[in-house]
Amino acid sequence: MQDLSSAEKRATIRKVTLRLVPILAIAYFFNSLEKTNIGLAALQMNESLGLTTAAFGLASGLLFVGYAVFEVPSNLIQYKVGARKWLARIMITWGACAAATGFVNSEASLYILRILLGIAEAGFYPGVILYFTLWVPKQYRGTMLSLFVLGGTLSSVIGSPLTGLLLTPDHYFGIESWRAMFVIEGIPAILVGVVCLFKLVDRPAEAKWLTGRERNWLESSIAAEHALVESNHSGKGVLRAIGDIRVLMLSLIYFCLKCGQYALAFFLPLMIVAFQTQAGTKMSTLQVSLMVAIPALVAIAPAILWARHSDKTGERFWHATIPAIVGAIGICVSAVLHEPVLIMIAICFAMIGLTSQSAPFYQIPGFFLTGAAAATAFGLINSLGNLGGFVAPTVFGTLKDATGNYVAPSLLMGGFLIVAAVLTALLPRMFKSLNPNQHAAQPVVASK
């Protein structure tokens, strides 16, 4: 291994981060926006298409059906053909499907477009995680992933007000504003996909913007990590990953986490509208979108600092457990409060937990899987986990219709997060191969 000094390593990671993360974070911005902008669109679309709350919840969640079915195949194809071509393909097709949502004319056509959008998007998030495992040593990945996830968080901070602004007029040249919004927000994803074809590089060895010593250090460090995992866990093999009980347990944990996350993502605009009755006020769509942005804005700094602390200490399990507990407390407390301001504070608390959890959590599969098995595991965890994005809005909407309020569905989603927290904390006890003393990432050491 051709090693570098601590300062040179940090400079190399900084160079890689500045080259790769911004374009991927921008892509994730639109990825997240086009999953959840239906929440704000619902303020006009539901009446236009005659959707009940339950039907809207089903439409929101159907995206994850197509997503789940094609997630693992998508990741395996990326492993074969490379991230540059495949991630670009994902972005271009999901942008086209997102824009096409503006042309739906019935409940059924909306359902079909949401399924197609899920199929198009399948593999993006786990594909980026897999991409990072081929680029940087594990002690830097948590921070790098948190910066990538920042793109998704900013979709609520910036994207939600943008969506609200686009929805402010009733029509654009006779076209309903919610339809125009879907088209306008779908086109940038296509453009970002085209840019990725020219900006991304599949492996460090192909990066002409790195020096020879930097390329050698990255390639040799990652190869050594993979060799260690394979010697300890037989970390290769697609079938091994699919049948690995640890992967299935991580999928269950992620499912519970996504139930809480997507319940908030899809229904927060409608929950805020419900504040109007309690507060005796009337809010415009733009005002609602600005309110939606507040929890995500509050969560940005804690999420990045939490990921850096996880990288610095090399600890992953408690760094994934504690945010789930924080999210559960926030959602459950919001369910029993009655003052809109206090409810929003509780939701902000929940969002901090939900946003901080993913970066340390997604470092765990790399403890025991590499290569095609890791690609399969990332895809399987994300696909089975994101079924929570189907279950949560469907159940949430049905319970809201049945009870007339958001108390019961919110408490149920908080319960899912408690289950996720308990299972994550117990992982090292359930599986000796996940003993944190054996697998703690090497802390990042400062240069002298």
Protein backbone atom coordinates (compact mmCIF):
# COMPACT_ATOMS: atom_id res chain seq x y z
CA MET A 1 0.00 0.00 0.00
CA GLN A 2 1.40 3.38 -0.99
CA ASP A 3 0.45 5.44 2.05
CA LEU A 4 0.01 9.17 2.43
CA SER A 5 0.48 11.45 5.42
CA SER A 6 -2.61 12.33 7.46
CA ALA A 7 -2.74 15.77 5.84
CA GLU A 8 -2.46 14.27 2.35
CA LYS A 9 -5.23 11.78 3.13
CA ARG A 10 -7.55 14.52 4.29
CA ALA A 11 -6.70 16.58 1.21
CA THR A 12 -7.48 13.59 -1.02
CA ILE A 13 -10.82 12.94 0.67
CA ARG A 14 -11.65 16.63 0.39
CA LYS A 15 -10.83 16.54 -3.32
CA VAL A 16 -13.01 13.46 -3.88
CA THR A 17 -15.85 14.96 -1.85
CA LEU A 18 -15.84 18.24 -3.75
CA ARG A 19 -15.74 16.43 -7.09
CA LEU A 20 -18.43 13.78 -6.49
CA VAL A 21 -20.77 14.85 -3.71
CA PRO A 22 -22.19 18.15 -5.10
CA ILE A 23 -23.55 16.63 -8.31
CA LEU A 24 -24.92 13.59 -6.46
CA ALA A 25 -26.44 15.77 -3.73
CA ILE A 26 -28.15 17.89 -6.41
CA ALA A 27 -29.49 14.70 -7.95
CA TYR A 28 -30.75 13.56 -4.54
CA PHE A 29 -32.38 16.97 -4.08
CA PHE A 30 -34.59 16.31 -7.09
CA ASN A 31 -34.96 12.63 -6.22
CA SER A 32 -36.43 13.53 -2.83
CA LEU A 33 -38.44 16.42 -4.22
CA GLU A 34 -40.11 14.25 -6.84
CA LYS A 35 -40.96 11.57 -4.30
CA THR A 36 -42.67 13.97 -1.92
CA ASN A 37 -43.88 17.02 -3.90
CA ILE A 38 -47.13 15.12 -4.25
CA GLY A 39 -47.76 16.10 -0.62
CA LEU A 40 -48.08 19.79 -1.49
CA ALA A 41 -49.71 19.02 -4.83
CA ALA A 42 -52.44 17.23 -2.84
CA LEU A 43 -53.72 20.59 -1.60
CA GLN A 44 -55.07 21.14 -5.14
CA MET A 45 -54.73 17.77 -6.88
CA ASN A 46 -56.97 15.81 -4.50
CA GLU A 47 -59.94 18.02 -5.31
CA SER A 48 -59.14 18.10 -9.02
CA LEU A 49 -58.95 14.29 -9.30
CA GLY A 50 -61.55 13.56 -6.60
CA LEU A 51 -59.11 11.75 -4.28
CA THR A 52 -59.95 10.80 -0.69
CA THR A 53 -57.22 10.95 1.96
CA ALA A 54 -56.87 7.17 1.76
CA ALA A 55 -56.61 7.26 -2.06
CA PHE A 56 -53.96 9.96 -1.81
CA GLY A 57 -52.04 7.86 0.72
CA LEU A 58 -52.18 4.87 -1.63
CA ALA A 59 -50.97 6.96 -4.58
CA SER A 60 -48.09 8.31 -2.47
CA GLY A 61 -47.06 4.83 -1.40
CA LEU A 62 -47.39 3.02 -4.73
CA LEU A 63 -44.10 4.58 -5.82
CA PHE A 64 -42.37 2.19 -3.45
CA VAL A 65 -43.92 -0.92 -4.98
CA GLY A 66 -42.03 -0.44 -8.24
CA TYR A 67 -39.08 0.79 -6.22
CA ALA A 68 -38.93 -2.40 -4.13
CA VAL A 69 -39.23 -4.82 -7.05
CA PHE A 70 -36.42 -3.26 -9.13
CA GLU A 71 -34.03 -2.09 -6.41
CA VAL A 72 -31.76 -5.16 -6.20
CA PRO A 73 -31.58 -5.74 -10.00
CA SER A 74 -30.74 -2.06 -10.45
CA ASN A 75 -27.86 -2.22 -7.99
CA LEU A 76 -26.46 -5.38 -9.57
CA ILE A 77 -26.59 -3.79 -13.02
CA GLN A 78 -24.73 -0.77 -11.66
CA TYR A 79 -22.09 -3.07 -10.19
CA LYS A 80 -21.60 -4.58 -13.67
CA VAL A 81 -21.79 -1.50 -15.93
CA GLY A 82 -20.50 1.21 -13.57
CA ALA A 83 -22.07 4.09 -11.67
CA ARG A 84 -21.51 6.78 -14.30
CA LYS A 85 -23.83 5.28 -16.92
CA TRP A 86 -26.34 3.70 -14.58
CA LEU A 87 -26.91 6.58 -12.17
CA ALA A 88 -27.31 8.89 -15.18
CA ARG A 89 -29.90 6.50 -16.67
CA ILE A 90 -31.82 6.50 -13.38
CA MET A 91 -31.93 10.29 -13.22
CA ILE A 92 -33.03 10.76 -16.83
CA THR A 93 -35.87 8.22 -16.63
CA TRP A 94 -37.16 9.35 -13.26
CA GLY A 95 -37.20 12.95 -14.48
CA ALA A 96 -39.30 11.91 -17.45
CA CYS A 97 -41.77 9.97 -15.25
CA ALA A 98 -42.00 12.82 -12.74
CA ALA A 99 -42.82 15.30 -15.51
CA ALA A 100 -45.40 12.91 -16.97
CA THR A 101 -47.30 13.01 -13.66
CA GLY A 102 -48.52 16.42 -14.71
CA PHE A 103 -50.62 14.75 -17.43
CA VAL A 104 -52.62 12.30 -15.27
CA ASN A 105 -56.39 12.59 -15.61
CA SER A 106 -57.73 10.05 -13.12
CA GLU A 107 -57.00 8.19 -9.91
CA ALA A 108 -55.91 5.12 -11.89
CA SER A 109 -53.49 7.02 -14.14
CA LEU A 110 -51.95 8.63 -11.05
CA TYR A 111 -51.42 5.19 -9.54
CA ILE A 112 -49.71 3.98 -12.74
CA LEU A 113 -47.37 6.99 -12.95
CA ARG A 114 -46.37 6.62 -9.28
CA ILE A 115 -45.45 2.96 -9.88
CA LEU A 116 -43.44 3.88 -12.98
CA LEU A 117 -41.67 6.65 -11.05
CA GLY A 118 -40.65 4.09 -8.44
CA ILE A 119 -39.32 1.72 -11.09
CA ALA A 120 -37.32 4.57 -12.67
CA GLU A 121 -35.86 5.72 -9.33
CA ALA A 122 -35.03 2.20 -8.11
CA GLY A 123 -31.38 1.83 -7.21
CA PHE A 124 -30.38 5.47 -6.88
CA TYR A 125 -29.87 5.79 -3.11
CA PRO A 126 -28.24 2.36 -2.56
CA GLY A 127 -26.34 2.86 -5.79
CA VAL A 128 -24.71 5.99 -4.41
CA ILE A 129 -23.88 4.16 -1.16
CA LEU A 130 -22.27 1.38 -3.21
CA TYR A 131 -20.42 4.00 -5.26
CA PHE A 132 -18.92 5.51 -2.08
CA THR A 133 -17.66 2.07 -0.96
CA LEU A 134 -15.60 1.97 -4.16
CA TRP A 135 -14.18 5.44 -3.61
CA VAL A 136 -13.33 6.16 0.03
CA PRO A 137 -12.14 4.14 3.07
CA LYS A 138 -14.87 3.35 5.59
CA GLN A 139 -13.70 5.83 8.25
CA TYR A 140 -14.70 8.70 5.92
CA ARG A 141 -17.95 7.33 4.49
CA GLY A 142 -20.36 8.44 7.20
CA THR A 143 -19.54 12.11 6.75
CA MET A 144 -19.53 11.78 2.97
CA LEU A 145 -22.93 10.09 3.03
CA SER A 146 -24.35 12.76 5.36
CA LEU A 147 -23.27 15.46 2.89
CA PHE A 148 -24.96 13.54 0.09
CA VAL A 149 -28.13 13.11 2.19
CA LEU A 150 -28.05 16.86 2.75
CA GLY A 151 -29.35 17.16 -0.81
CA GLY A 152 -32.49 15.31 0.20
CA THR A 153 -32.89 17.43 3.32
CA LEU A 154 -32.54 20.62 1.29
CA SER A 155 -35.38 19.41 -0.94
CA SER A 156 -37.63 20.16 2.02
CA VAL A 157 -35.85 23.39 2.98
CA ILE A 158 -35.66 24.86 -0.54
CA GLY A 159 -37.74 22.53 -2.69
CA SER A 160 -40.91 22.71 -0.61
CA PRO A 161 -41.11 26.54 -0.76
CA LEU A 162 -40.28 26.35 -4.47
CA THR A 163 -43.12 23.89 -4.94
CA GLY A 164 -45.40 26.13 -2.90
CA LEU A 165 -44.44 29.12 -5.05
CA LEU A 166 -45.21 27.19 -8.23
CA LEU A 167 -48.58 26.21 -6.78
CA THR A 168 -49.51 29.77 -5.79
CA PRO A 169 -51.35 30.69 -9.03
CA ASP A 170 -54.41 28.60 -9.81
CA HIS A 171 -53.41 28.21 -13.44
CA TYR A 172 -50.58 28.77 -15.93
CA PHE A 173 -52.09 29.68 -19.32
CA GLY A 174 -55.12 27.54 -18.54
CA ILE A 175 -53.08 24.63 -17.12
CA GLU A 176 -53.73 23.76 -13.46
CA SER A 177 -50.71 24.80 -11.40
CA TRP A 178 -50.18 21.38 -9.79
CA ARG A 179 -49.80 19.90 -13.27
CA ALA A 180 -47.31 22.56 -14.33
CA MET A 181 -45.37 22.03 -11.09
CA PHE A 182 -44.78 18.33 -11.82
CA VAL A 183 -43.48 19.13 -15.31
CA ILE A 184 -41.25 22.02 -14.20
CA GLU A 185 -39.70 20.02 -11.35
CA GLY A 186 -39.21 16.89 -13.46
CA ILE A 187 -37.08 18.48 -16.19
CA PRO A 188 -34.00 19.34 -14.02
CA ALA A 189 -33.48 15.67 -13.08
CA ILE A 190 -33.06 14.87 -16.78
CA LEU A 191 -30.46 17.63 -17.14
CA VAL A 192 -28.54 16.49 -14.03
CA GLY A 193 -28.48 12.96 -15.44
CA VAL A 194 -26.85 14.21 -18.62
CA VAL A 195 -24.24 16.12 -16.58
CA CYS A 196 -23.43 12.97 -14.61
CA LEU A 197 -22.43 11.21 -17.81
CA PHE A 198 -19.57 13.70 -18.12
CA LYS A 199 -18.70 14.38 -14.47
CA LEU A 200 -18.74 11.00 -12.70
CA VAL A 201 -15.89 8.49 -12.78
CA ASP A 202 -16.47 4.84 -11.85
CA ARG A 203 -13.31 4.17 -9.80
CA PRO A 204 -10.38 6.14 -8.31
CA ALA A 205 -8.01 4.44 -10.76
CA GLU A 206 -9.81 6.24 -13.62
CA ALA A 207 -9.78 9.70 -12.01
CA LYS A 208 -7.35 11.90 -13.92
CA TRP A 209 -7.95 14.73 -11.45
CA LEU A 210 -6.20 12.70 -8.69
CA THR A 211 -2.44 12.26 -8.48
CA GLY A 212 -0.96 8.81 -8.91
CA ARG A 213 -0.20 8.54 -5.19
CA GLU A 214 -3.76 9.57 -4.29
CA ARG A 215 -5.25 7.00 -6.67
CA ASN A 216 -2.97 4.28 -5.33
CA TRP A 217 -3.83 5.08 -1.70
CA LEU A 218 -7.58 5.00 -2.32
CA GLU A 219 -7.50 1.81 -4.39
CA SER A 220 -5.15 -0.05 -2.02
CA SER A 221 -7.03 1.05 1.12
CA ILE A 222 -10.38 -0.09 -0.25
CA ALA A 223 -8.91 -3.34 -1.58
CA ALA A 224 -7.43 -4.08 1.85
CA GLU A 225 -10.77 -3.42 3.55
CA HIS A 226 -12.60 -5.72 1.15
CA ALA A 227 -10.00 -8.45 1.58
CA LEU A 228 -10.38 -8.26 5.36
CA VAL A 229 -14.18 -8.53 5.17
CA GLU A 230 -13.96 -11.47 2.77
CA SER A 231 -11.47 -13.32 4.97
CA ASN A 232 -13.61 -12.85 8.09
CA HIS A 233 -17.10 -13.27 6.63
CA SER A 234 -16.91 -14.75 3.12
CA GLY A 235 -18.31 -11.41 2.02
CA LYS A 236 -18.96 -12.23 -1.64
CA GLY A 237 -21.94 -13.80 -3.37
CA VAL A 238 -25.37 -12.52 -4.38
CA LEU A 239 -27.29 -15.49 -2.98
CA ARG A 240 -25.35 -15.28 0.27
CA ALA A 241 -26.46 -11.68 0.71
CA ILE A 242 -30.13 -12.39 -0.11
CA GLY A 243 -30.28 -15.19 2.45
CA ASP A 244 -28.17 -13.49 5.11
CA ILE A 245 -30.24 -13.06 8.29
CA ARG A 246 -28.25 -9.93 9.13
CA VAL A 247 -29.30 -8.31 5.86
CA LEU A 248 -32.93 -9.26 6.47
CA MET A 249 -32.76 -7.83 10.00
CA LEU A 250 -31.30 -4.58 8.68
CA SER A 251 -34.11 -4.50 6.11
CA LEU A 252 -36.70 -4.84 8.87
CA ILE A 253 -35.06 -2.03 10.84
CA TYR A 254 -34.99 0.21 7.78
CA PHE A 255 -38.65 -0.59 7.05
CA CYS A 256 -39.63 0.66 10.52
CA LEU A 257 -37.53 3.79 10.08
CA LYS A 258 -39.03 4.59 6.70
CA CYS A 259 -42.55 4.23 8.09
CA GLY A 260 -41.87 7.18 10.37
CA GLN A 261 -39.96 9.19 7.79
CA TYR A 262 -42.42 8.94 4.91
CA ALA A 263 -45.49 9.43 7.10
CA LEU A 264 -44.07 12.87 7.89
CA ALA A 265 -42.84 13.52 4.35
CA PHE A 266 -46.22 12.91 2.69
CA PHE A 267 -48.65 14.11 5.35
CA LEU A 268 -46.88 17.06 6.99
CA PRO A 269 -48.48 19.57 4.55
CA LEU A 270 -51.94 18.20 5.31
CA MET A 271 -51.18 18.18 9.06
CA ILE A 272 -50.13 21.84 8.86
CA VAL A 273 -53.34 22.70 7.02
CA ALA A 274 -55.21 21.10 9.93
CA PHE A 275 -53.56 23.68 12.24
CA GLN A 276 -55.70 26.33 10.58
CA THR A 277 -58.83 25.21 12.40
CA GLN A 278 -57.06 25.25 15.77
CA ALA A 279 -55.33 28.58 15.16
CA GLY A 280 -58.30 30.22 13.42
CA THR A 281 -56.13 31.30 10.49
CA LYS A 282 -55.94 30.68 6.77
CA MET A 283 -52.60 29.80 5.14
CA SER A 284 -51.72 29.93 1.47
CA THR A 285 -49.97 27.02 -0.25
CA LEU A 286 -46.71 29.01 -0.13
CA GLN A 287 -47.08 29.57 3.62
CA VAL A 288 -47.73 25.85 4.14
CA SER A 289 -44.62 24.99 2.11
CA LEU A 290 -42.50 27.37 4.22
CA MET A 291 -43.80 25.66 7.36
CA VAL A 292 -42.89 22.27 5.86
CA ALA A 293 -39.32 23.50 5.37
CA ILE A 294 -38.73 24.35 9.03
CA PRO A 295 -38.15 20.81 10.44
CA ALA A 296 -35.73 19.91 7.63
CA LEU A 297 -33.80 23.16 8.09
CA VAL A 298 -33.43 22.52 11.82
CA ALA A 299 -32.15 18.99 11.14
CA ILE A 300 -29.26 19.85 8.78
CA ALA A 301 -26.50 20.76 11.25
CA PRO A 302 -27.23 18.00 13.80
CA ALA A 303 -27.23 15.34 11.05
CA ILE A 304 -23.82 16.38 9.68
CA LEU A 305 -22.27 16.71 13.15
CA TRP A 306 -23.68 13.33 14.19
CA ALA A 307 -22.19 11.62 11.11
CA ARG A 308 -18.81 13.24 11.74
CA HIS A 309 -18.89 12.06 15.35
CA SER A 310 -19.67 8.53 14.16
CA ASP A 311 -16.69 8.65 11.78
CA LYS A 312 -14.43 10.15 14.43
CA THR A 313 -15.26 7.50 17.05
CA GLY A 314 -15.68 4.62 14.59
CA GLU A 315 -18.95 3.65 16.35
CA ARG A 316 -22.02 2.87 14.22
CA PHE A 317 -24.67 0.98 16.21
CA TRP A 318 -25.54 3.53 18.92
CA HIS A 319 -25.16 6.30 16.38
CA ALA A 320 -27.96 4.58 14.43
CA THR A 321 -30.04 3.71 17.53
CA ILE A 322 -30.21 7.07 19.30
CA PRO A 323 -31.62 9.02 16.31
CA ALA A 324 -34.43 6.45 15.99
CA ILE A 325 -35.31 7.02 19.65
CA VAL A 326 -35.26 10.79 19.11
CA GLY A 327 -37.54 10.40 16.07
CA ALA A 328 -39.99 8.20 18.01
CA ILE A 329 -40.19 10.65 20.90
CA GLY A 330 -40.79 13.57 18.55
CA ILE A 331 -43.58 11.90 16.57
CA CYS A 332 -45.34 10.48 19.65
CA VAL A 333 -45.18 13.79 21.53
CA SER A 334 -46.54 15.65 18.48
CA ALA A 335 -49.54 13.29 18.50
CA VAL A 336 -50.69 14.23 22.01
CA LEU A 337 -50.08 17.98 21.84
CA HIS A 338 -52.75 20.49 20.80
CA GLU A 339 -50.90 23.77 20.31
CA PRO A 340 -49.63 24.16 16.71
CA VAL A 341 -46.33 25.73 17.82
CA LEU A 342 -45.59 22.88 20.25
CA ILE A 343 -46.54 20.31 17.62
CA MET A 344 -44.07 21.86 15.18
CA ILE A 345 -41.31 21.82 17.82
CA ALA A 346 -41.95 18.11 18.39
CA ILE A 347 -41.91 17.45 14.64
CA CYS A 348 -38.59 19.31 14.36
CA PHE A 349 -37.24 17.05 17.10
CA ALA A 350 -38.46 14.00 15.18
CA MET A 351 -36.89 15.25 11.94
CA ILE A 352 -33.49 15.66 13.62
CA GLY A 353 -33.58 11.99 14.59
CA LEU A 354 -34.85 10.71 11.26
CA THR A 355 -32.29 12.72 9.28
CA SER A 356 -29.33 11.76 11.48
CA GLN A 357 -29.91 8.01 11.39
CA SER A 358 -29.12 6.92 7.84
CA ALA A 359 -25.39 7.80 7.59
CA PRO A 360 -24.19 5.55 10.46
CA PHE A 361 -26.82 2.89 9.71
CA TYR A 362 -25.65 2.32 6.15
CA GLN A 363 -22.07 1.66 7.27
CA ILE A 364 -23.14 -1.59 8.99
CA PRO A 365 -23.56 -3.84 5.88
CA GLY A 366 -19.99 -3.04 4.87
CA PHE A 367 -18.79 -4.82 8.03
CA PHE A 368 -19.57 -8.21 6.51
CA LEU A 369 -20.23 -7.86 2.75
CA THR A 370 -18.28 -6.68 -0.30
CA GLY A 371 -18.56 -6.68 -4.09
CA ALA A 372 -21.76 -8.01 -5.67
CA ALA A 373 -22.98 -9.16 -2.25
CA ALA A 374 -22.70 -5.62 -0.91
CA ALA A 375 -24.52 -4.31 -4.01
CA THR A 376 -27.28 -6.85 -3.38
CA ALA A 377 -27.45 -6.04 0.33
CA PHE A 378 -27.69 -2.28 -0.19
CA GLY A 379 -30.43 -2.82 -2.77
CA LEU A 380 -32.33 -5.35 -0.66
CA ILE A 381 -32.21 -3.25 2.52
CA ASN A 382 -33.35 -0.18 0.63
CA SER A 383 -36.08 -2.00 -1.32
CA LEU A 384 -37.60 -3.91 1.59
CA GLY A 385 -37.08 -0.94 3.89
CA ASN A 386 -38.72 1.48 1.51
CA LEU A 387 -41.85 -0.64 1.48
CA GLY A 388 -42.40 1.41 4.62
CA GLY A 389 -42.94 4.25 2.16
CA PHE A 390 -45.90 2.26 0.80
CA VAL A 391 -47.28 0.99 4.10
CA ALA A 392 -46.92 4.21 6.11
CA PRO A 393 -48.88 6.67 3.92
CA THR A 394 -51.52 4.04 3.12
CA VAL A 395 -52.10 3.14 6.78
CA PHE A 396 -51.67 6.76 7.90
CA GLY A 397 -54.31 8.00 5.48
CA THR A 398 -56.73 5.18 6.29
CA LEU A 399 -56.43 5.74 10.05
CA LYS A 400 -56.86 9.48 9.61
CA ASP A 401 -60.06 8.92 7.60
CA ALA A 402 -61.31 6.45 10.22
CA THR A 403 -60.53 8.56 13.31
CA GLY A 404 -60.80 12.07 11.92
CA ASN A 405 -57.41 13.15 13.31
CA TYR A 406 -53.69 12.36 13.20
CA VAL A 407 -53.26 11.04 16.77
CA ALA A 408 -53.58 7.27 16.17
CA PRO A 409 -51.51 7.17 12.95
CA SER A 410 -48.75 9.31 14.53
CA LEU A 411 -48.53 7.07 17.60
CA LEU A 412 -48.36 4.01 15.35
CA MET A 413 -45.48 5.50 13.34
CA GLY A 414 -43.69 6.35 16.59
CA GLY A 415 -44.10 2.71 17.60
CA PHE A 416 -42.38 1.60 14.40
CA LEU A 417 -39.41 3.82 15.26
CA ILE A 418 -39.17 2.34 18.76
CA VAL A 419 -38.99 -1.14 17.22
CA ALA A 420 -36.21 0.08 14.89
CA ALA A 421 -34.25 1.52 17.80
CA VAL A 422 -34.51 -1.63 19.92
CA LEU A 423 -33.50 -3.94 17.06
CA THR A 424 -30.54 -1.74 16.09
CA ALA A 425 -29.25 -1.68 19.67
CA LEU A 426 -29.55 -5.47 19.90
CA LEU A 427 -27.74 -6.23 16.62
CA PRO A 428 -24.30 -6.82 18.23
CA ARG A 429 -25.92 -9.13 20.81
CA MET A 430 -27.90 -11.07 18.22
CA PHE A 431 -24.92 -11.51 15.89
CA LYS A 432 -21.44 -11.98 17.32
CA SER A 433 -20.01 -11.15 13.88
CA LEU A 434 -21.29 -7.59 14.39
CA ASN A 435 -19.42 -7.08 17.65
CA PRO A 436 -18.57 -3.36 17.67
CA ASN A 437 -15.10 -4.03 19.10
CA GLN A 438 -14.31 -6.13 16.06
CA HIS A 439 -15.81 -3.83 13.45
CA ALA A 440 -15.44 -0.30 14.72
CA ALA A 441 -14.15 1.87 11.91
CA GLN A 442 -10.63 3.19 12.35
CA PRO A 443 -11.04 6.69 13.79
CA VAL A 444 -9.91 9.59 11.66
CA VAL A 445 -6.58 10.72 13.10
CA ALA A 446 -5.47 14.32 12.84
CA SER A 447 -2.04 15.02 11.46
CA LYS A 448 0.63 16.33 13.77
